[in-house]
Amino acid sequence: MNRQHLRPGVVVALAVAALALVWASDAAAQVSQARKQEIEGALRERYRLTLIGEGALGFTGDRGTVRRAGNVVLLRREGLEGSLDPDRPASYAIRGEQAEHYRGGKDVPLAVGENFYVHSIQVGSDVVTLGLLTTRQASSPSGPSPVWVALSFFLPREIIAEGNMNALYRALDHWLQPQGAFQPMLSQPVVDEVPSTPAELKPGMTKEEVVTALGPARREVSFGQRTWLHYGSLVVLLEGGRLTSVDRSGQPPAKVTIVSEPDGADVYLDGTFVSSTPATLELPAGNYQVTVQLSGYPEWKRDVRVLGGSEITLRARLEK
């Protein structure tokens, strides 16, 4: 259409419409950026990032030194390898149950149950990337070194756009389960299913044998040598990888909050690091030894009996 044949009023209307489209596009971009920041903030709160320095991917010269430990996550699936080079972390694109390696070294096989710190989080329009390093040290030519991994979870765009944290957590937890961290309640309740006539469980059974008998657990929590497999009203306890007891009482886990003065101290449960203060843990009923440590202060230690469904707050006052 030739512009010289348009009436002035039509030209003005077209100009206003064009400006409206630009404004709408800018507003959408702003909302998208705000949503990404909102999601990143929620994930940072959930994982309590481990501080290992500054710079690209969160580390610099003393890249192997943990300055402040955050929460620990547990690897739930096979097929990943890690890199000994922090400049070239083993990077994987995760789509559902598939992991595709696309960059970085593949120096160390990673077994199910491997523990990681989360040191960085990046949120894109359809992807969430977690930078990880192992809590253990592996042998390398230059001496003991942590193992470095980056997992990029590709998701439907609407999950990021709508801030659907339930769907996001499910995608992340399929690969990485926060170890002992209190899990937010889903907006849609999940009904646990347990076989109406559970297969006979015997002391000494391995985790694989339990899963063969009952199917995959809805949730798994591990501290040190102990692992709890949750099947709704039934909880199986493994110690050293072997079944030691079965709780059929149906008691829900307890919510245990640990704070310290000053905060930022390391929390150990039965000798295994689990988080930094302030920390909120979801624990099955049982007896635990809680230790709180901060450099320059005497350690704080308590033996605690946890009852199913209870809420407990432990306050560690650290004094020099």
Protein backbone atom coordinates (compact mmCIF):
# COMPACT_ATOMS: atom_id res chain seq x y z
CA MET A 1 0.00 0.00 0.00
CA ASN A 2 1.41 3.40 -0.99
CA ARG A 3 1.74 5.66 2.02
CA GLN A 4 0.84 8.81 0.04
CA HIS A 5 -2.67 7.44 -0.52
CA LEU A 6 -3.30 7.00 3.24
CA ARG A 7 -5.36 9.56 5.08
CA PRO A 8 -3.55 11.36 7.99
CA GLY A 9 -5.73 9.67 10.58
CA VAL A 10 -4.81 6.22 9.24
CA VAL A 11 -1.09 7.09 9.34
CA VAL A 12 -1.39 8.18 12.97
CA ALA A 13 -3.27 5.00 13.88
CA LEU A 14 -0.61 2.82 12.27
CA ALA A 15 2.15 4.70 14.09
CA VAL A 16 0.38 4.26 17.44
CA ALA A 17 -0.11 0.55 16.75
CA ALA A 18 3.59 0.18 15.90
CA LEU A 19 4.59 1.91 19.13
CA ALA A 20 2.20 -0.32 21.08
CA LEU A 21 3.88 -3.40 19.63
CA VAL A 22 7.31 -2.07 20.63
CA TRP A 23 6.10 -1.28 24.15
CA ALA A 24 4.51 -4.74 24.46
CA SER A 25 7.72 -6.38 23.28
CA ASP A 26 9.80 -4.39 25.79
CA ALA A 27 7.36 -5.22 28.60
CA ALA A 28 7.48 -8.93 27.72
CA ALA A 29 11.28 -8.82 27.77
CA GLN A 30 11.25 -7.12 31.18
CA VAL A 31 8.81 -9.67 32.59
CA SER A 32 10.93 -12.49 31.20
CA GLN A 33 14.08 -11.09 32.83
CA ALA A 34 12.24 -10.52 36.10
CA ARG A 35 10.95 -14.10 36.00
CA LYS A 36 14.45 -15.47 35.43
CA GLN A 37 15.74 -13.50 38.41
CA GLU A 38 12.83 -14.74 40.52
CA ILE A 39 13.56 -18.37 39.62
CA GLU A 40 17.29 -17.95 40.19
CA GLY A 41 16.59 -16.46 43.62
CA ALA A 42 14.35 -19.39 44.56
CA LEU A 43 16.99 -21.89 43.44
CA ARG A 44 19.73 -20.07 45.32
CA GLU A 45 17.63 -20.22 48.46
CA ARG A 46 16.94 -23.91 47.91
CA TYR A 47 20.54 -24.97 47.30
CA ARG A 48 22.46 -22.33 49.35
CA LEU A 49 25.35 -21.97 46.90
CA THR A 50 28.83 -23.04 47.88
CA LEU A 51 31.33 -20.18 47.62
CA ILE A 52 34.60 -21.09 45.96
CA GLY A 53 35.78 -17.73 44.63
CA GLU A 54 34.74 -15.25 41.99
CA GLY A 55 34.79 -15.08 38.22
CA ALA A 56 33.53 -17.32 35.43
CA LEU A 57 31.43 -20.17 36.79
CA GLY A 58 32.15 -18.99 40.30
CA PHE A 59 35.85 -19.77 40.80
CA THR A 60 39.35 -18.33 40.42
CA GLY A 61 42.87 -19.12 41.65
CA ASP A 62 42.03 -21.14 44.76
CA ARG A 63 39.31 -22.89 42.80
CA GLY A 64 39.68 -26.15 44.69
CA THR A 65 39.09 -24.51 48.08
CA VAL A 66 35.57 -24.28 49.49
CA ARG A 67 35.26 -20.93 51.24
CA ARG A 68 31.68 -21.42 52.41
CA ALA A 69 29.84 -24.71 52.00
CA GLY A 70 26.21 -24.79 50.94
CA ASN A 71 23.70 -27.61 50.72
CA VAL A 72 24.66 -30.97 49.26
CA VAL A 73 22.88 -32.68 46.36
CA LEU A 74 22.88 -36.39 45.60
CA LEU A 75 23.30 -37.79 42.07
CA ARG A 76 20.38 -40.10 41.28
CA ARG A 77 21.16 -41.36 37.78
CA GLU A 78 24.01 -43.13 35.99
CA GLY A 79 25.92 -42.16 32.87
CA LEU A 80 27.77 -38.99 33.91
CA GLU A 81 31.48 -38.32 34.16
CA GLY A 82 33.32 -35.39 35.69
CA SER A 83 36.34 -33.28 34.82
CA LEU A 84 39.45 -32.63 36.90
CA ASP A 85 39.93 -29.29 35.12
CA PRO A 86 37.78 -26.47 36.57
CA ASP A 87 38.27 -24.51 33.33
CA ARG A 88 36.69 -27.35 31.36
CA PRO A 89 33.93 -28.88 33.54
CA ALA A 90 32.18 -31.90 32.05
CA SER A 91 29.07 -30.25 30.58
CA TYR A 92 25.86 -32.11 29.82
CA ALA A 93 22.57 -31.15 28.18
CA ILE A 94 19.76 -32.81 30.16
CA ARG A 95 16.45 -33.48 28.42
CA GLY A 96 14.18 -35.65 30.53
CA GLU A 97 16.09 -38.86 31.24
CA GLN A 98 18.70 -38.26 28.52
CA ALA A 99 22.09 -36.64 29.16
CA GLU A 100 24.27 -35.55 26.22
CA HIS A 101 27.89 -34.57 26.84
CA TYR A 102 28.83 -31.55 24.73
CA ARG A 103 31.92 -29.99 26.29
CA GLY A 104 34.70 -30.49 28.83
CA GLY A 105 36.77 -33.36 30.10
CA LYS A 106 35.48 -36.79 31.08
CA ASP A 107 38.11 -37.85 33.60
CA VAL A 108 36.20 -39.47 36.48
CA PRO A 109 33.12 -41.77 36.29
CA LEU A 110 30.35 -40.62 38.64
CA ALA A 111 28.31 -43.24 40.50
CA VAL A 112 24.75 -42.95 41.73
CA GLY A 113 24.96 -41.46 45.24
CA GLU A 114 27.85 -39.09 44.42
CA ASN A 115 27.63 -35.92 46.55
CA PHE A 116 27.98 -32.45 45.04
CA TYR A 117 28.05 -28.82 46.07
CA VAL A 118 26.18 -26.38 43.81
CA HIS A 119 28.45 -23.38 43.13
CA SER A 120 26.59 -21.52 40.38
CA ILE A 121 23.13 -21.19 38.85
CA GLN A 122 22.11 -19.64 35.52
CA VAL A 123 18.55 -19.35 34.23
CA GLY A 124 17.73 -18.89 30.53
CA SER A 125 14.49 -18.80 28.57
CA ASP A 126 14.32 -22.60 28.36
CA VAL A 127 17.28 -23.86 30.37
CA VAL A 128 18.58 -23.93 33.95
CA THR A 129 22.30 -24.65 34.41
CA LEU A 130 23.83 -25.83 37.68
CA GLY A 131 27.60 -25.72 38.23
CA LEU A 132 28.67 -28.60 40.50
CA LEU A 133 31.78 -29.85 42.24
CA THR A 134 32.13 -33.06 44.21
CA THR A 135 32.43 -33.01 47.99
CA ARG A 136 35.19 -35.63 47.69
CA GLN A 137 38.70 -35.26 46.27
CA ALA A 138 39.84 -37.37 43.33
CA SER A 139 43.42 -38.18 42.34
CA SER A 140 44.94 -35.98 39.63
CA PRO A 141 48.48 -35.36 38.29
CA SER A 142 48.67 -32.20 40.42
CA GLY A 143 47.33 -33.89 43.56
CA PRO A 144 43.88 -34.38 45.10
CA SER A 145 41.22 -32.37 43.28
CA PRO A 146 37.44 -32.00 43.31
CA VAL A 147 35.54 -33.10 40.19
CA TRP A 148 33.71 -30.48 38.13
CA VAL A 149 30.40 -30.87 36.29
CA ALA A 150 27.86 -28.52 34.67
CA LEU A 151 24.31 -29.76 34.04
CA SER A 152 22.02 -27.77 31.72
CA PHE A 153 18.37 -28.79 32.16
CA PHE A 154 16.35 -27.94 29.03
CA LEU A 155 12.68 -27.35 29.80
CA PRO A 156 9.51 -26.28 27.99
CA ARG A 157 9.58 -22.48 27.76
CA GLU A 158 6.28 -22.11 29.59
CA ILE A 159 7.82 -23.57 32.77
CA ILE A 160 10.27 -20.65 32.94
CA ALA A 161 7.78 -18.07 31.64
CA GLU A 162 5.14 -19.03 34.22
CA GLY A 163 7.60 -19.64 37.05
CA ASN A 164 6.25 -23.17 37.56
CA MET A 165 8.61 -24.17 40.38
CA ASN A 166 6.86 -27.50 41.02
CA ALA A 167 7.61 -28.66 37.47
CA LEU A 168 11.12 -27.22 37.67
CA TYR A 169 11.92 -28.97 40.96
CA ARG A 170 10.63 -32.28 39.58
CA ALA A 171 12.93 -31.98 36.55
CA LEU A 172 15.97 -31.15 38.70
CA ASP A 173 15.20 -33.73 41.40
CA HIS A 174 15.00 -36.44 38.75
CA TRP A 175 18.80 -36.11 38.57
CA LEU A 176 19.86 -34.30 41.74
CA GLN A 177 18.13 -34.83 45.08
CA PRO A 178 18.89 -32.23 47.78
CA GLN A 179 20.40 -34.30 50.58
CA GLY A 180 18.38 -33.84 53.74
CA ALA A 181 17.03 -30.45 52.64
CA PHE A 182 13.44 -29.60 53.49
CA GLN A 183 11.41 -29.96 50.30
CA PRO A 184 8.69 -27.41 49.52
CA MET A 185 5.18 -28.85 49.38
CA LEU A 186 3.79 -29.28 45.88
CA SER A 187 0.65 -27.35 45.04
CA GLN A 188 -0.82 -30.58 43.70
CA PRO A 189 -0.71 -33.30 46.37
CA VAL A 190 1.06 -36.50 45.47
CA VAL A 191 -0.45 -39.77 46.66
CA ASP A 192 2.15 -42.33 47.67
CA GLU A 193 1.48 -45.80 46.44
CA VAL A 194 2.70 -48.85 48.34
CA PRO A 195 1.94 -52.42 47.25
CA SER A 196 -1.16 -53.62 49.13
CA THR A 197 0.77 -56.78 50.01
CA PRO A 198 4.42 -55.66 50.16
CA ALA A 199 6.98 -58.24 49.21
CA GLU A 200 8.78 -59.80 52.14
CA LEU A 201 11.68 -57.62 53.23
CA LYS A 202 14.58 -59.24 55.01
CA PRO A 203 17.53 -57.76 56.92
CA GLY A 204 20.64 -57.61 54.78
CA MET A 205 18.85 -56.93 51.48
CA THR A 206 20.64 -54.48 49.20
CA LYS A 207 19.04 -51.31 47.88
CA GLU A 208 18.67 -52.94 44.46
CA GLU A 209 16.82 -55.88 46.02
CA VAL A 210 14.48 -53.53 47.90
CA VAL A 211 13.73 -51.56 44.74
CA THR A 212 13.10 -54.80 42.86
CA ALA A 213 10.62 -55.83 45.55
CA LEU A 214 8.83 -52.50 46.08
CA GLY A 215 9.67 -50.42 43.03
CA PRO A 216 11.48 -47.05 43.00
CA ALA A 217 11.13 -45.04 46.22
CA ARG A 218 9.21 -41.79 45.99
CA ARG A 219 11.97 -40.08 47.94
CA GLU A 220 15.44 -40.99 49.15
CA VAL A 221 17.43 -39.31 51.92
CA SER A 222 21.05 -40.21 52.79
CA PHE A 223 23.39 -39.18 55.58
CA GLY A 224 26.74 -40.90 55.82
CA GLN A 225 26.19 -44.66 55.86
CA ARG A 226 22.41 -44.39 56.38
CA THR A 227 19.81 -44.16 53.61
CA TRP A 228 16.03 -43.93 53.99
CA LEU A 229 13.76 -45.06 51.15
CA HIS A 230 10.29 -43.52 51.52
CA TYR A 231 7.24 -45.45 50.23
CA GLY A 232 4.47 -43.38 51.76
CA SER A 233 3.45 -45.20 54.96
CA LEU A 234 6.53 -47.42 54.77
CA VAL A 235 10.14 -46.31 55.26
CA VAL A 236 13.08 -48.64 54.63
CA LEU A 237 16.38 -47.92 56.43
CA LEU A 238 19.65 -49.04 54.87
CA GLU A 239 22.95 -48.88 56.73
CA GLY A 240 26.11 -49.48 54.77
CA GLY A 241 23.94 -50.30 51.76
CA ARG A 242 22.04 -53.10 53.57
CA LEU A 243 18.50 -53.16 54.96
CA THR A 244 18.45 -52.95 58.76
CA SER A 245 14.86 -51.97 59.61
CA VAL A 246 11.43 -51.18 58.16
CA ASP A 247 9.12 -48.55 59.67
CA ARG A 248 5.45 -49.20 58.83
CA SER A 249 4.04 -46.60 61.24
CA GLY A 250 3.44 -44.05 58.49
CA GLN A 251 4.97 -41.23 60.55
CA PRO A 252 5.89 -38.21 58.40
CA PRO A 253 9.46 -36.88 58.58
CA ALA A 254 10.38 -34.20 61.08
CA LYS A 255 11.36 -30.65 60.18
CA VAL A 256 14.59 -29.75 61.97
CA THR A 257 15.86 -26.16 61.77
CA ILE A 258 19.45 -25.45 62.82
CA VAL A 259 20.65 -21.89 63.41
CA SER A 260 23.89 -20.56 64.85
CA GLU A 261 25.33 -17.36 66.28
CA PRO A 262 27.19 -16.30 64.19
CA ASP A 263 25.63 -17.96 61.15
CA GLY A 264 27.44 -19.52 58.20
CA ALA A 265 28.69 -22.46 60.28
CA ASP A 266 28.98 -25.99 58.86
CA VAL A 267 26.39 -28.54 60.00
CA TYR A 268 27.31 -32.22 60.32
CA LEU A 269 24.82 -35.01 60.91
CA ASP A 270 26.38 -38.18 62.33
CA GLY A 271 29.74 -36.94 61.05
CA THR A 272 28.54 -36.15 57.51
CA PHE A 273 28.40 -32.57 56.24
CA VAL A 274 24.85 -31.64 55.22
CA SER A 275 24.53 -27.85 55.04
CA SER A 276 25.50 -24.46 56.43
CA THR A 277 23.51 -22.47 58.98
CA PRO A 278 20.77 -21.47 58.89
CA ALA A 279 19.62 -24.88 57.64
CA THR A 280 16.31 -26.70 57.55
CA LEU A 281 16.44 -30.49 57.27
CA GLU A 282 13.73 -33.06 56.70
CA LEU A 283 14.64 -36.10 58.79
CA PRO A 284 13.03 -39.49 59.39
CA ALA A 285 12.36 -40.36 63.03
CA GLY A 286 15.46 -41.53 64.86
CA ASN A 287 18.51 -40.57 66.91
CA TYR A 288 21.11 -38.21 65.46
CA GLN A 289 24.30 -36.45 66.49
CA VAL A 290 24.30 -32.84 65.29
CA THR A 291 27.62 -30.99 65.14
CA VAL A 292 28.04 -27.31 64.23
CA GLN A 293 31.52 -26.06 63.31
CA LEU A 294 32.89 -22.63 62.43
CA SER A 295 36.56 -21.75 62.05
CA GLY A 296 37.89 -20.04 65.16
CA TYR A 297 35.15 -21.37 67.47
CA PRO A 298 34.85 -24.53 69.59
CA GLU A 299 32.50 -27.02 67.97
CA TRP A 300 28.92 -27.36 69.21
CA LYS A 301 27.59 -30.91 69.49
CA ARG A 302 24.24 -32.38 70.58
CA ASP A 303 22.60 -35.82 70.54
CA VAL A 304 19.02 -35.39 69.36
CA ARG A 305 16.05 -37.75 69.28
CA VAL A 306 13.68 -36.84 66.45
CA LEU A 307 10.03 -37.86 66.49
CA GLY A 308 8.08 -38.31 63.26
CA GLY A 309 6.07 -35.25 62.24
CA SER A 310 7.68 -32.96 64.82
CA GLU A 311 9.23 -29.53 64.28
CA ILE A 312 12.47 -28.81 66.13
CA THR A 313 14.74 -25.76 66.23
CA LEU A 314 18.33 -26.15 67.44
CA ARG A 315 20.23 -22.97 68.31
CA ALA A 316 24.02 -23.24 68.45
CA ARG A 317 25.62 -20.29 70.24
CA LEU A 318 29.28 -20.36 69.29
CA GLU A 319 31.57 -18.52 71.70
CA LYS A 320 35.32 -18.09 71.41
